[in-house]
């Protein structure tokens, strides 16, 4: 997993990419998420290049969201891949964080997954 931080106006952007989330990558992600000030007014998580997410990374994201929104800030997730989007839906994270389609800027409301049929 690769992590980048940047600013877009008053918005802090954290971009996550890759598929391997090992102990070293998770430690780096924790350091970056923990360094986001609680007073941050706007945080955007770009997950467009993240092909895998696990419970530890989900926990970091939720904790950061709670800290920022608890102080009146705003957090949104942009362009999650279909796998990540499915996990966000299953875990109900989409109920606490806006999930946006980067091209249209609209909240994604329809869920369409390319899942294999269930074998009986």
C-alpha atoms as a PDB file:
ATOM      1  CA  UNK A   1       0.000   0.000   0.000  1.00  0.00           C
ATOM      2  CA  UNK A   2       1.191   3.489  -0.839  1.00  0.00           C
ATOM      3  CA  UNK A   3       0.020   6.635   0.967  1.00  0.00           C
ATOM      4  CA  UNK A   4       0.260  10.241  -0.200  1.00  0.00           C
ATOM      5  CA  UNK A   5      -0.827  13.450   1.485  1.00  0.00           C
ATOM      6  CA  UNK A   6      -1.596  16.700  -0.312  1.00  0.00           C
ATOM      7  CA  UNK A   7      -3.678  19.842   0.115  1.00  0.00           C
ATOM      8  CA  UNK A   8      -6.381  21.112  -2.176  1.00  0.00           C
ATOM      9  CA  UNK A   9      -7.349  24.530  -0.866  1.00  0.00           C
ATOM     10  CA  UNK A  10      -8.399  23.993   2.738  1.00  0.00           C
ATOM     11  CA  UNK A  11      -8.937  20.262   2.191  1.00  0.00           C
ATOM     12  CA  UNK A  12      -6.388  17.691   3.275  1.00  0.00           C
ATOM     13  CA  UNK A  13      -6.285  14.827   0.760  1.00  0.00           C
ATOM     14  CA  UNK A  14      -4.987  11.388   1.717  1.00  0.00           C
ATOM     15  CA  UNK A  15      -4.618   9.015  -1.238  1.00  0.00           C
ATOM     16  CA  UNK A  16      -4.274   5.290  -0.636  1.00  0.00           C
ATOM     17  CA  UNK A  17      -3.234   2.863  -3.368  1.00  0.00           C
ATOM     18  CA  UNK A  18      -2.167  -0.737  -3.782  1.00  0.00           C
ATOM     19  CA  UNK A  19      -3.301  -4.073  -2.447  1.00  0.00           C
ATOM     20  CA  UNK A  20      -0.783  -5.162   0.171  1.00  0.00           C
ATOM     21  CA  UNK A  21      -1.500  -3.976   3.704  1.00  0.00           C
ATOM     22  CA  UNK A  22       1.258  -5.345   5.895  1.00  0.00           C
ATOM     23  CA  UNK A  23       2.397  -4.326   9.358  1.00  0.00           C
ATOM     24  CA  UNK A  24       4.810  -1.704   8.004  1.00  0.00           C
ATOM     25  CA  UNK A  25       2.196  -0.120   5.713  1.00  0.00           C
ATOM     26  CA  UNK A  26      -0.412  -0.132   8.466  1.00  0.00           C
ATOM     27  CA  UNK A  27       2.033   1.535  10.867  1.00  0.00           C
ATOM     28  CA  UNK A  28       2.737   4.268   8.304  1.00  0.00           C
ATOM     29  CA  UNK A  29      -1.005   4.726   7.686  1.00  0.00           C
ATOM     30  CA  UNK A  30      -1.613   4.997  11.441  1.00  0.00           C
ATOM     31  CA  UNK A  31       1.083   7.668  11.758  1.00  0.00           C
ATOM     32  CA  UNK A  32      -0.449   9.675   8.909  1.00  0.00           C
ATOM     33  CA  UNK A  33      -4.053   9.333  10.104  1.00  0.00           C
ATOM     34  CA  UNK A  34      -3.040  10.143  13.696  1.00  0.00           C
ATOM     35  CA  UNK A  35      -1.219  13.275  12.487  1.00  0.00           C
ATOM     36  CA  UNK A  36      -4.414  14.722  10.966  1.00  0.00           C
ATOM     37  CA  UNK A  37      -5.377  17.490  13.378  1.00  0.00           C
ATOM     38  CA  UNK A  38      -8.802  17.133  14.978  1.00  0.00           C
ATOM     39  CA  UNK A  39      -9.479  20.720  13.882  1.00  0.00           C
ATOM     40  CA  UNK A  40      -9.089  19.758  10.223  1.00  0.00           C
ATOM     41  CA  UNK A  41     -12.119  21.285   8.506  1.00  0.00           C
ATOM     42  CA  UNK A  42     -12.123  18.981   5.485  1.00  0.00           C
ATOM     43  CA  UNK A  43     -10.532  15.601   4.796  1.00  0.00           C
ATOM     44  CA  UNK A  44     -10.881  13.741   1.506  1.00  0.00           C
ATOM     45  CA  UNK A  45      -9.828  10.103   1.267  1.00  0.00           C
ATOM     46  CA  UNK A  46      -9.003   9.122  -2.309  1.00  0.00           C
ATOM     47  CA  UNK A  47      -9.432   5.359  -2.581  1.00  0.00           C
ATOM     48  CA  UNK A  48      -9.490   5.180  -6.379  1.00  0.00           C
ATOM     49  CA  UNK A  49      -6.310   3.092  -6.518  1.00  0.00           C
ATOM     50  CA  UNK A  50      -6.875   0.973  -3.405  1.00  0.00           C
ATOM     51  CA  UNK A  51      -7.775  -2.559  -4.474  1.00  0.00           C
ATOM     52  CA  UNK A  52      -7.955  -4.135  -1.006  1.00  0.00           C
ATOM     53  CA  UNK A  53      -8.968  -2.969   2.469  1.00  0.00           C
ATOM     54  CA  UNK A  54      -8.858  -4.851   5.751  1.00  0.00           C
ATOM     55  CA  UNK A  55     -10.412  -4.319   9.174  1.00  0.00           C
ATOM     56  CA  UNK A  56      -7.345  -2.569  10.579  1.00  0.00           C
ATOM     57  CA  UNK A  57      -7.389   0.068   7.844  1.00  0.00           C
ATOM     58  CA  UNK A  58     -11.170   0.425   8.193  1.00  0.00           C
ATOM     59  CA  UNK A  59     -10.680   1.048  11.901  1.00  0.00           C
ATOM     60  CA  UNK A  60      -8.138   3.805  11.197  1.00  0.00           C
ATOM     61  CA  UNK A  61     -10.515   5.459   8.734  1.00  0.00           C
ATOM     62  CA  UNK A  62     -13.496   5.301  11.106  1.00  0.00           C
ATOM     63  CA  UNK A  63     -11.463   6.602  14.049  1.00  0.00           C
ATOM     64  CA  UNK A  64     -10.169   9.524  12.009  1.00  0.00           C
ATOM     65  CA  UNK A  65     -13.672  10.301  10.724  1.00  0.00           C
ATOM     66  CA  UNK A  66     -15.089  10.356  14.245  1.00  0.00           C
ATOM     67  CA  UNK A  67     -12.305  12.610  15.496  1.00  0.00           C
ATOM     68  CA  UNK A  68     -12.716  15.138  12.686  1.00  0.00           C
ATOM     69  CA  UNK A  69     -16.514  15.165  12.450  1.00  0.00           C
ATOM     70  CA  UNK A  70     -16.702  15.337  16.256  1.00  0.00           C
ATOM     71  CA  UNK A  71     -15.022  18.738  15.994  1.00  0.00           C
ATOM     72  CA  UNK A  72     -17.308  19.983  13.208  1.00  0.00           C
ATOM     73  CA  UNK A  73     -15.097  18.905  10.313  1.00  0.00           C
ATOM     74  CA  UNK A  74     -16.124  17.081   7.165  1.00  0.00           C
ATOM     75  CA  UNK A  75     -14.805  13.773   5.803  1.00  0.00           C
ATOM     76  CA  UNK A  76     -15.590  12.202   2.446  1.00  0.00           C
ATOM     77  CA  UNK A  77     -14.372   9.218   0.466  1.00  0.00           C
ATOM     78  CA  UNK A  78     -13.766   9.627  -3.260  1.00  0.00           C
ATOM     79  CA  UNK A  79     -13.779   6.975  -5.964  1.00  0.00           C
ATOM     80  CA  UNK A  80     -13.487   3.737  -4.012  1.00  0.00           C
ATOM     81  CA  UNK A  81     -12.845   0.715  -6.206  1.00  0.00           C
ATOM     82  CA  UNK A  82     -15.727  -1.748  -6.496  1.00  0.00           C
ATOM     83  CA  UNK A  83     -14.239  -4.141  -3.916  1.00  0.00           C
ATOM     84  CA  UNK A  84     -13.578  -1.358  -1.413  1.00  0.00           C
ATOM     85  CA  UNK A  85     -17.012   0.156  -2.087  1.00  0.00           C
ATOM     86  CA  UNK A  86     -18.613  -3.189  -1.324  1.00  0.00           C
ATOM     87  CA  UNK A  87     -16.746  -3.440   2.002  1.00  0.00           C
ATOM     88  CA  UNK A  88     -17.771   0.136   2.896  1.00  0.00           C
ATOM     89  CA  UNK A  89     -21.384  -0.845   2.210  1.00  0.00           C
ATOM     90  CA  UNK A  90     -21.260  -4.125   4.164  1.00  0.00           C
ATOM     91  CA  UNK A  91     -19.702  -2.393   7.183  1.00  0.00           C
ATOM     92  CA  UNK A  92     -22.170   0.546   6.998  1.00  0.00           C
ATOM     93  CA  UNK A  93     -19.337   3.062   6.845  1.00  0.00           C
ATOM     94  CA  UNK A  94     -21.240   4.740   4.046  1.00  0.00           C
ATOM     95  CA  UNK A  95     -23.785   5.752   6.722  1.00  0.00           C
ATOM     96  CA  UNK A  96     -21.237   7.966   8.487  1.00  0.00           C
ATOM     97  CA  UNK A  97     -19.069   9.169   5.591  1.00  0.00           C
ATOM     98  CA  UNK A  98     -20.120  10.583   2.224  1.00  0.00           C
ATOM     99  CA  UNK A  99     -18.861   8.496  -0.684  1.00  0.00           C
ATOM    100  CA  UNK A 100     -18.433  10.425  -3.913  1.00  0.00           C
ATOM    101  CA  UNK A 101     -17.906   9.571  -7.541  1.00  0.00           C
ATOM    102  CA  UNK A 102     -14.994  11.791  -8.561  1.00  0.00           C
ATOM    103  CA  UNK A 103     -16.195  12.343 -12.110  1.00  0.00           C
ATOM    104  CA  UNK A 104     -19.663  13.642 -11.321  1.00  0.00           C
ATOM    105  CA  UNK A 105     -19.018  14.702  -7.752  1.00  0.00           C
ATOM    106  CA  UNK A 106     -22.281  13.060  -6.705  1.00  0.00           C
ATOM    107  CA  UNK A 107     -22.832  10.683  -3.855  1.00  0.00           C
ATOM    108  CA  UNK A 108     -22.944   7.122  -5.094  1.00  0.00           C
ATOM    109  CA  UNK A 109     -26.285   5.674  -4.114  1.00  0.00           C
ATOM    110  CA  UNK A 110     -26.676   2.649  -6.351  1.00  0.00           C
ATOM    111  CA  UNK A 111     -24.679  -0.428  -5.636  1.00  0.00           C
ATOM    112  CA  UNK A 112     -23.823  -2.624  -8.580  1.00  0.00           C
ATOM    113  CA  UNK A 113     -21.352  -5.417  -8.001  1.00  0.00           C
ATOM    114  CA  UNK A 114     -19.879  -7.937 -10.351  1.00  0.00           C
ATOM    115  CA  UNK A 115     -20.316 -10.883  -8.032  1.00  0.00           C
ATOM    116  CA  UNK A 116     -20.295 -14.500  -9.149  1.00  0.00           C
ATOM    117  CA  UNK A 117     -23.618 -16.330  -8.803  1.00  0.00           C
ATOM    118  CA  UNK A 118     -24.131 -18.339  -5.637  1.00  0.00           C
ATOM    119  CA  UNK A 119     -23.749 -22.071  -6.245  1.00  0.00           C
ATOM    120  CA  UNK A 120     -26.349 -24.271  -4.651  1.00  0.00           C
END
